[in-house]
Amino acid sequence: AAERYDGTVDLAEQVHVAADACLPATPVHTV
């Protein structure tokens, strides 16, 4: 909480990583 987050993050890349990890669990939805 007291630390500063000074890293540079490509949020687009992280969103796709998160989506790739989650979507195999939902073949019944339209995504």
Full PDB file with SEQRES, HELIX, SHEET, SSBOND, CRYST1, ORIGX, SCALE, CONECT and MASTER records, all heavy atoms in Angstrom:
SEQRES   1 A   31  ALA ALA GLU ARG TYR ASP GLY THR VAL ASP LEU ALA GLU          
SEQRES   2 A   31  GLN VAL HIS VAL ALA ALA ASP ALA CYS LEU PRO ALA THR          
SEQRES   3 A   31  PRO VAL HIS THR VAL                                          
HELIX    1 AA1 LEU A   11  CYS A   22  1                                  12    
HELIX    2 AA2 LEU A   23  ALA A   25  5                                   3    
CRYST1    1.000    1.000    1.000  90.00  90.00  90.00 P 1           1          
ORIGX1      1.000000  0.000000  0.000000        0.00000                         
ORIGX2      0.000000  1.000000  0.000000        0.00000                         
ORIGX3      0.000000  0.000000  1.000000        0.00000                         
SCALE1      1.000000  0.000000  0.000000        0.00000                         
SCALE2      0.000000  1.000000  0.000000        0.00000                         
SCALE3      0.000000  0.000000  1.000000        0.00000                         
ATOM      1  N   ALA A   1       0.818  -1.216   0.000  1.00  0.00           N  
ATOM      2  CA  ALA A   1       0.000   0.000   0.000  1.00  0.00           C  
ATOM      3  C   ALA A   1       0.850   1.264   0.000  1.00  0.00           C  
ATOM      4  O   ALA A   1       0.493   2.271  -0.610  1.00  0.00           O  
ATOM      5  CB  ALA A   1      -0.934   0.005   1.199  1.00  0.00           C  
ATOM      6  N   ALA A   2       1.989   1.216   0.703  1.00  0.00           N  
ATOM      7  CA  ALA A   2       2.824   2.413   0.798  1.00  0.00           C  
ATOM      8  C   ALA A   2       3.817   2.533  -0.348  1.00  0.00           C  
ATOM      9  O   ALA A   2       4.535   3.525  -0.454  1.00  0.00           O  
ATOM     10  CB  ALA A   2       3.576   2.412   2.128  1.00  0.00           C  
ATOM     11  N   GLU A   3       3.867   1.523  -1.214  1.00  0.00           N  
ATOM     12  CA  GLU A   3       4.830   1.551  -2.308  1.00  0.00           C  
ATOM     13  C   GLU A   3       4.230   2.208  -3.549  1.00  0.00           C  
ATOM     14  O   GLU A   3       3.031   2.217  -3.752  1.00  0.00           O  
ATOM     15  CB  GLU A   3       5.266   0.127  -2.656  1.00  0.00           C  
ATOM     16  CG  GLU A   3       5.945  -0.594  -1.502  1.00  0.00           C  
ATOM     17  CD  GLU A   3       6.311  -2.011  -1.869  1.00  0.00           C  
ATOM     18  OE1 GLU A   3       6.128  -2.372  -3.038  1.00  0.00           O  
ATOM     19  OE2 GLU A   3       6.776  -2.742  -0.979  1.00  0.00           O  
ATOM     20  N   ARG A   4       5.087   2.760  -4.362  1.00  0.00           N  
ATOM     21  CA  ARG A   4       4.644   3.308  -5.642  1.00  0.00           C  
ATOM     22  C   ARG A   4       4.828   2.250  -6.717  1.00  0.00           C  
ATOM     23  O   ARG A   4       5.814   1.535  -6.748  1.00  0.00           O  
ATOM     24  CB  ARG A   4       5.471   4.547  -5.993  1.00  0.00           C  
ATOM     25  CG  ARG A   4       5.246   5.716  -5.067  1.00  0.00           C  
ATOM     26  CD  ARG A   4       6.066   6.903  -5.516  1.00  0.00           C  
ATOM     27  NE  ARG A   4       5.734   7.297  -6.870  1.00  0.00           N  
ATOM     28  CZ  ARG A   4       6.441   8.162  -7.592  1.00  0.00           C  
ATOM     29  NH1 ARG A   4       7.519   8.711  -7.077  1.00  0.00           N  
ATOM     30  NH2 ARG A   4       6.073   8.466  -8.812  1.00  0.00           N  
ATOM     31  N   TYR A   5       3.851   2.155  -7.593  1.00  0.00           N  
ATOM     32  CA  TYR A   5       3.950   1.214  -8.693  1.00  0.00           C  
ATOM     33  C   TYR A   5       4.619   1.939  -9.863  1.00  0.00           C  
ATOM     34  O   TYR A   5       3.991   2.715 -10.566  1.00  0.00           O  
ATOM     35  CB  TYR A   5       2.560   0.720  -9.095  1.00  0.00           C  
ATOM     36  CG  TYR A   5       1.875  -0.103  -8.030  1.00  0.00           C  
ATOM     37  CD1 TYR A   5       0.491  -0.152  -7.947  1.00  0.00           C  
ATOM     38  CD2 TYR A   5       2.605  -0.838  -7.114  1.00  0.00           C  
ATOM     39  CE1 TYR A   5      -0.143  -0.914  -6.982  1.00  0.00           C  
ATOM     40  CE2 TYR A   5       1.985  -1.595  -6.148  1.00  0.00           C  
ATOM     41  CZ  TYR A   5       0.612  -1.636  -6.091  1.00  0.00           C  
ATOM     42  OH  TYR A   5       0.001  -2.391  -5.127  1.00  0.00           O  
ATOM     43  N   ASP A   6       5.897   1.679 -10.063  1.00  0.00           N  
ATOM     44  CA  ASP A   6       6.660   2.406 -11.073  1.00  0.00           C  
ATOM     45  C   ASP A   6       6.889   1.603 -12.337  1.00  0.00           C  
ATOM     46  O   ASP A   6       7.559   2.068 -13.252  1.00  0.00           O  
ATOM     47  CB  ASP A   6       8.011   2.849 -10.489  1.00  0.00           C  
ATOM     48  CG  ASP A   6       7.847   3.939  -9.442  1.00  0.00           C  
ATOM     49  OD1 ASP A   6       6.913   4.745  -9.585  1.00  0.00           O  
ATOM     50  OD2 ASP A   6       8.641   3.975  -8.484  1.00  0.00           O  
ATOM     51  N   GLY A   7       6.353   0.379 -12.406  1.00  0.00           N  
ATOM     52  CA  GLY A   7       6.555  -0.430 -13.597  1.00  0.00           C  
ATOM     53  C   GLY A   7       5.721   0.068 -14.763  1.00  0.00           C  
ATOM     54  O   GLY A   7       4.664   0.674 -14.585  1.00  0.00           O  
ATOM     55  N   THR A   8       6.193  -0.184 -15.960  1.00  0.00           N  
ATOM     56  CA  THR A   8       5.448   0.145 -17.177  1.00  0.00           C  
ATOM     57  C   THR A   8       4.692  -1.098 -17.621  1.00  0.00           C  
ATOM     58  O   THR A   8       5.292  -2.157 -17.835  1.00  0.00           O  
ATOM     59  CB  THR A   8       6.395   0.621 -18.288  1.00  0.00           C  
ATOM     60  OG1 THR A   8       7.070   1.803 -17.843  1.00  0.00           O  
ATOM     61  CG2 THR A   8       5.616   0.924 -19.555  1.00  0.00           C  
ATOM     62  N   VAL A   9       3.379  -0.978 -17.765  1.00  0.00           N  
ATOM     63  CA  VAL A   9       2.530  -2.134 -18.058  1.00  0.00           C  
ATOM     64  C   VAL A   9       1.755  -1.882 -19.353  1.00  0.00           C  
ATOM     65  O   VAL A   9       1.159  -0.812 -19.523  1.00  0.00           O  
ATOM     66  CB  VAL A   9       1.534  -2.396 -16.914  1.00  0.00           C  
ATOM     67  CG1 VAL A   9       0.642  -3.589 -17.233  1.00  0.00           C  
ATOM     68  CG2 VAL A   9       2.273  -2.598 -15.593  1.00  0.00           C  
ATOM     69  N   ASP A  10       1.786  -2.868 -20.233  1.00  0.00           N  
ATOM     70  CA  ASP A  10       0.931  -2.827 -21.418  1.00  0.00           C  
ATOM     71  C   ASP A  10      -0.397  -3.462 -21.021  1.00  0.00           C  
ATOM     72  O   ASP A  10      -0.531  -4.693 -20.969  1.00  0.00           O  
ATOM     73  CB  ASP A  10       1.576  -3.601 -22.571  1.00  0.00           C  
ATOM     74  CG  ASP A  10       0.821  -3.405 -23.887  1.00  0.00           C  
ATOM     75  OD1 ASP A  10      -0.393  -3.112 -23.837  1.00  0.00           O  
ATOM     76  OD2 ASP A  10       1.438  -3.544 -24.949  1.00  0.00           O  
ATOM     77  N   LEU A  11      -1.384  -2.621 -20.703  1.00  0.00           N  
ATOM     78  CA  LEU A  11      -2.658  -3.127 -20.210  1.00  0.00           C  
ATOM     79  C   LEU A  11      -3.369  -3.970 -21.265  1.00  0.00           C  
ATOM     80  O   LEU A  11      -4.046  -4.953 -20.937  1.00  0.00           O  
ATOM     81  CB  LEU A  11      -3.549  -1.962 -19.765  1.00  0.00           C  
ATOM     82  CG  LEU A  11      -4.857  -2.334 -19.073  1.00  0.00           C  
ATOM     83  CD1 LEU A  11      -4.612  -3.201 -17.852  1.00  0.00           C  
ATOM     84  CD2 LEU A  11      -5.642  -1.076 -18.689  1.00  0.00           C  
ATOM     85  N   ALA A  12      -3.230  -3.607 -22.538  1.00  0.00           N  
ATOM     86  CA  ALA A  12      -3.855  -4.398 -23.605  1.00  0.00           C  
ATOM     87  C   ALA A  12      -3.330  -5.832 -23.587  1.00  0.00           C  
ATOM     88  O   ALA A  12      -4.099  -6.800 -23.692  1.00  0.00           O  
ATOM     89  CB  ALA A  12      -3.589  -3.747 -24.963  1.00  0.00           C  
ATOM     90  N   GLU A  13      -2.038  -5.982 -23.428  1.00  0.00           N  
ATOM     91  CA  GLU A  13      -1.440  -7.319 -23.388  1.00  0.00           C  
ATOM     92  C   GLU A  13      -1.960  -8.111 -22.188  1.00  0.00           C  
ATOM     93  O   GLU A  13      -2.297  -9.298 -22.309  1.00  0.00           O  
ATOM     94  CB  GLU A  13       0.080  -7.189 -23.321  1.00  0.00           C  
ATOM     95  CG  GLU A  13       0.806  -8.518 -23.306  1.00  0.00           C  
ATOM     96  CD  GLU A  13       2.316  -8.331 -23.249  1.00  0.00           C  
ATOM     97  OE1 GLU A  13       2.786  -7.197 -23.457  1.00  0.00           O  
ATOM     98  OE2 GLU A  13       3.004  -9.336 -22.992  1.00  0.00           O  
ATOM     99  N   GLN A  14      -2.059  -7.453 -21.027  1.00  0.00           N  
ATOM    100  CA  GLN A  14      -2.519  -8.141 -19.815  1.00  0.00           C  
ATOM    101  C   GLN A  14      -3.991  -8.538 -19.926  1.00  0.00           C  
ATOM    102  O   GLN A  14      -4.397  -9.590 -19.429  1.00  0.00           O  
ATOM    103  CB  GLN A  14      -2.288  -7.261 -18.587  1.00  0.00           C  
ATOM    104  CG  GLN A  14      -0.835  -6.929 -18.309  1.00  0.00           C  
ATOM    105  CD  GLN A  14       0.021  -8.175 -18.240  1.00  0.00           C  
ATOM    106  OE1 GLN A  14      -0.375  -9.190 -17.659  1.00  0.00           O  
ATOM    107  NE2 GLN A  14       1.201  -8.104 -18.850  1.00  0.00           N  
ATOM    108  N   VAL A  15      -4.795  -7.716 -20.574  1.00  0.00           N  
ATOM    109  CA  VAL A  15      -6.206  -8.053 -20.776  1.00  0.00           C  
ATOM    110  C   VAL A  15      -6.333  -9.306 -21.637  1.00  0.00           C  
ATOM    111  O   VAL A  15      -7.143 -10.203 -21.347  1.00  0.00           O  
ATOM    112  CB  VAL A  15      -6.956  -6.862 -21.409  1.00  0.00           C  
ATOM    113  CG1 VAL A  15      -8.303  -7.317 -21.988  1.00  0.00           C  
ATOM    114  CG2 VAL A  15      -7.179  -5.765 -20.372  1.00  0.00           C  
ATOM    115  N   HIS A  16      -5.544  -9.402 -22.693  1.00  0.00           N  
ATOM    116  CA  HIS A  16      -5.607 -10.587 -23.560  1.00  0.00           C  
ATOM    117  C   HIS A  16      -5.101 -11.836 -22.837  1.00  0.00           C  
ATOM    118  O   HIS A  16      -5.639 -12.931 -23.033  1.00  0.00           O  
ATOM    119  CB  HIS A  16      -4.819 -10.348 -24.842  1.00  0.00           C  
ATOM    120  CG  HIS A  16      -5.566  -9.544 -25.859  1.00  0.00           C  
ATOM    121  ND1 HIS A  16      -6.547 -10.094 -26.666  1.00  0.00           N  
ATOM    122  CD2 HIS A  16      -5.504  -8.219 -26.184  1.00  0.00           C  
ATOM    123  CE1 HIS A  16      -7.043  -9.151 -27.450  1.00  0.00           C  
ATOM    124  NE2 HIS A  16      -6.429  -8.005 -27.186  1.00  0.00           N  
ATOM    125  N   VAL A  17      -4.074 -11.677 -21.997  1.00  0.00           N  
ATOM    126  CA  VAL A  17      -3.589 -12.816 -21.212  1.00  0.00           C  
ATOM    127  C   VAL A  17      -4.687 -13.306 -20.273  1.00  0.00           C  
ATOM    128  O   VAL A  17      -4.931 -14.514 -20.144  1.00  0.00           O  
ATOM    129  CB  VAL A  17      -2.336 -12.432 -20.405  1.00  0.00           C  
ATOM    130  CG1 VAL A  17      -1.971 -13.537 -19.422  1.00  0.00           C  
ATOM    131  CG2 VAL A  17      -1.158 -12.157 -21.335  1.00  0.00           C  
ATOM    132  N   ALA A  18      -5.378 -12.353 -19.613  1.00  0.00           N  
ATOM    133  CA  ALA A  18      -6.467 -12.715 -18.711  1.00  0.00           C  
ATOM    134  C   ALA A  18      -7.603 -13.397 -19.467  1.00  0.00           C  
ATOM    135  O   ALA A  18      -8.149 -14.413 -19.024  1.00  0.00           O  
ATOM    136  CB  ALA A  18      -6.978 -11.471 -17.980  1.00  0.00           C  
ATOM    137  N   ALA A  19      -7.955 -12.852 -20.629  1.00  0.00           N  
ATOM    138  CA  ALA A  19      -9.048 -13.426 -21.427  1.00  0.00           C  
ATOM    139  C   ALA A  19      -8.693 -14.836 -21.900  1.00  0.00           C  
ATOM    140  O   ALA A  19      -9.524 -15.754 -21.836  1.00  0.00           O  
ATOM    141  CB  ALA A  19      -9.347 -12.530 -22.620  1.00  0.00           C  
ATOM    142  N   ASP A  20      -7.460 -15.036 -22.362  1.00  0.00           N  
ATOM    143  CA  ASP A  20      -7.041 -16.359 -22.843  1.00  0.00           C  
ATOM    144  C   ASP A  20      -7.103 -17.403 -21.728  1.00  0.00           C  
ATOM    145  O   ASP A  20      -7.378 -18.577 -21.975  1.00  0.00           O  
ATOM    146  CB  ASP A  20      -5.616 -16.291 -23.397  1.00  0.00           C  
ATOM    147  CG  ASP A  20      -5.548 -15.515 -24.705  1.00  0.00           C  
ATOM    148  OD1 ASP A  20      -6.604 -15.321 -25.330  1.00  0.00           O  
ATOM    149  OD2 ASP A  20      -4.438 -15.088 -25.082  1.00  0.00           O  
ATOM    150  N   ALA A  21      -6.838 -16.947 -20.485  1.00  0.00           N  
ATOM    151  CA  ALA A  21      -6.870 -17.884 -19.359  1.00  0.00           C  
ATOM    152  C   ALA A  21      -8.297 -18.224 -18.943  1.00  0.00           C  
ATOM    153  O   ALA A  21      -8.558 -19.332 -18.462  1.00  0.00           O  
ATOM    154  CB  ALA A  21      -6.122 -17.279 -18.167  1.00  0.00           C  
ATOM    155  N   CYS A  22      -9.225 -17.295 -19.139  1.00  0.00           N  
ATOM    156  CA  CYS A  22     -10.597 -17.481 -18.647  1.00  0.00           C  
ATOM    157  C   CYS A  22     -11.535 -18.104 -19.674  1.00  0.00           C  
ATOM    158  O   CYS A  22     -12.439 -18.862 -19.312  1.00  0.00           O  
ATOM    159  CB  CYS A  22     -11.191 -16.137 -18.211  1.00  0.00           C  
ATOM    160  SG  CYS A  22     -10.330 -15.353 -16.831  1.00  0.00           S  
ATOM    161  N   LEU A  23     -11.365 -17.788 -20.940  1.00  0.00           N  
ATOM    162  CA  LEU A  23     -12.366 -18.152 -21.944  1.00  0.00           C  
ATOM    163  C   LEU A  23     -12.527 -19.652 -22.193  1.00  0.00           C  
ATOM    164  O   LEU A  23     -13.636 -20.095 -22.535  1.00  0.00           O  
ATOM    165  CB  LEU A  23     -12.062 -17.434 -23.259  1.00  0.00           C  
ATOM    166  CG  LEU A  23     -12.229 -15.913 -23.200  1.00  0.00           C  
ATOM    167  CD1 LEU A  23     -12.041 -15.311 -24.575  1.00  0.00           C  
ATOM    168  CD2 LEU A  23     -13.602 -15.541 -22.638  1.00  0.00           C  
ATOM    169  N   PRO A  24     -11.493 -20.479 -22.015  1.00  0.00           N  
ATOM    170  CA  PRO A  24     -11.732 -21.913 -22.186  1.00  0.00           C  
ATOM    171  C   PRO A  24     -12.793 -22.475 -21.249  1.00  0.00           C  
ATOM    172  O   PRO A  24     -13.365 -23.525 -21.511  1.00  0.00           O  
ATOM    173  CB  PRO A  24     -10.352 -22.527 -21.890  1.00  0.00           C  
ATOM    174  CG  PRO A  24      -9.386 -21.462 -22.278  1.00  0.00           C  
ATOM    175  CD  PRO A  24     -10.062 -20.182 -21.862  1.00  0.00           C  
ATOM    176  N   ALA A  25     -13.050 -21.748 -20.139  1.00  0.00           N  
ATOM    177  CA  ALA A  25     -14.057 -22.213 -19.172  1.00  0.00           C  
ATOM    178  C   ALA A  25     -15.467 -21.842 -19.588  1.00  0.00           C  
ATOM    179  O   ALA A  25     -16.423 -22.169 -18.902  1.00  0.00           O  
ATOM    180  CB  ALA A  25     -13.740 -21.623 -17.795  1.00  0.00           C  
ATOM    181  N   THR A  26     -15.633 -21.150 -20.711  1.00  0.00           N  
ATOM    182  CA  THR A  26     -16.964 -20.678 -21.083  1.00  0.00           C  
ATOM    183  C   THR A  26     -17.304 -20.937 -22.547  1.00  0.00           C  
ATOM    184  O   THR A  26     -17.547 -19.992 -23.304  1.00  0.00           O  
ATOM    185  CB  THR A  26     -17.107 -19.177 -20.751  1.00  0.00           C  
ATOM    186  OG1 THR A  26     -18.406 -18.738 -21.172  1.00  0.00           O  
ATOM    187  CG2 THR A  26     -16.040 -18.328 -21.415  1.00  0.00           C  
ATOM    188  N   PRO A  27     -17.322 -22.197 -22.972  1.00  0.00           N  
ATOM    189  CA  PRO A  27     -17.669 -22.475 -24.372  1.00  0.00           C  
ATOM    190  C   PRO A  27     -19.150 -22.240 -24.673  1.00  0.00           C  
ATOM    191  O   PRO A  27     -19.556 -22.243 -25.834  1.00  0.00           O  
ATOM    192  CB  PRO A  27     -17.313 -23.960 -24.517  1.00  0.00           C  
ATOM    193  CG  PRO A  27     -17.459 -24.515 -23.134  1.00  0.00           C  
ATOM    194  CD  PRO A  27     -17.020 -23.414 -22.214  1.00  0.00           C  
ATOM    195  N   VAL A  28     -19.961 -22.041 -23.628  1.00  0.00           N  
ATOM    196  CA  VAL A  28     -21.410 -21.917 -23.833  1.00  0.00           C  
ATOM    197  C   VAL A  28     -21.848 -20.470 -24.007  1.00  0.00           C  
ATOM    198  O   VAL A  28     -23.026 -20.193 -24.220  1.00  0.00           O  
ATOM    199  CB  VAL A  28     -22.185 -22.553 -22.656  1.00  0.00           C  
ATOM    200  CG1 VAL A  28     -21.915 -24.049 -22.604  1.00  0.00           C  
ATOM    201  CG2 VAL A  28     -21.801 -21.895 -21.327  1.00  0.00           C  
ATOM    202  N   HIS A  29     -20.924 -19.523 -23.903  1.00  0.00           N  
ATOM    203  CA  HIS A  29     -21.267 -18.112 -24.044  1.00  0.00           C  
ATOM    204  C   HIS A  29     -20.786 -17.565 -25.391  1.00  0.00           C  
ATOM    205  O   HIS A  29     -19.822 -18.068 -25.971  1.00  0.00           O  
ATOM    206  CB  HIS A  29     -20.641 -17.272 -22.917  1.00  0.00           C  
ATOM    207  CG  HIS A  29     -21.160 -17.601 -21.547  1.00  0.00           C  
ATOM    208  ND1 HIS A  29     -20.455 -18.378 -20.656  1.00  0.00           N  
ATOM    209  CD2 HIS A  29     -22.321 -17.260 -20.928  1.00  0.00           C  
ATOM    210  CE1 HIS A  29     -21.146 -18.503 -19.539  1.00  0.00           C  
ATOM    211  NE2 HIS A  29     -22.279 -17.839 -19.678  1.00  0.00           N  
ATOM    212  N   THR A  30     -21.464 -16.529 -25.828  1.00  0.00           N  
ATOM    213  CA  THR A  30     -20.992 -15.783 -26.986  1.00  0.00           C  
ATOM    214  C   THR A  30     -20.075 -14.674 -26.480  1.00  0.00           C  
ATOM    215  O   THR A  30     -20.512 -13.817 -25.702  1.00  0.00           O  
ATOM    216  CB  THR A  30     -22.170 -15.167 -27.755  1.00  0.00           C  
ATOM    217  OG1 THR A  30     -23.049 -16.205 -28.168  1.00  0.00           O  
ATOM    218  CG2 THR A  30     -21.667 -14.400 -28.970  1.00  0.00           C  
ATOM    219  N   VAL A  31     -18.817 -14.704 -26.890  1.00  0.00           N  
ATOM    220  CA  VAL A  31     -17.818 -13.781 -26.333  1.00  0.00           C  
ATOM    221  C   VAL A  31     -17.273 -12.874 -27.427  1.00  0.00           C  
ATOM    222  O   VAL A  31     -16.924 -13.333 -28.522  1.00  0.00           O  
ATOM    223  CB  VAL A  31     -16.667 -14.562 -25.673  1.00  0.00           C  
ATOM    224  CG1 VAL A  31     -15.617 -13.587 -25.141  1.00  0.00           C  
ATOM    225  CG2 VAL A  31     -17.192 -15.458 -24.567  1.00  0.00           C  
TER     226      VAL A  31                                                      
MASTER        0    0    0    2    0    0    0    6  225    1    0    3          
END                                                                             
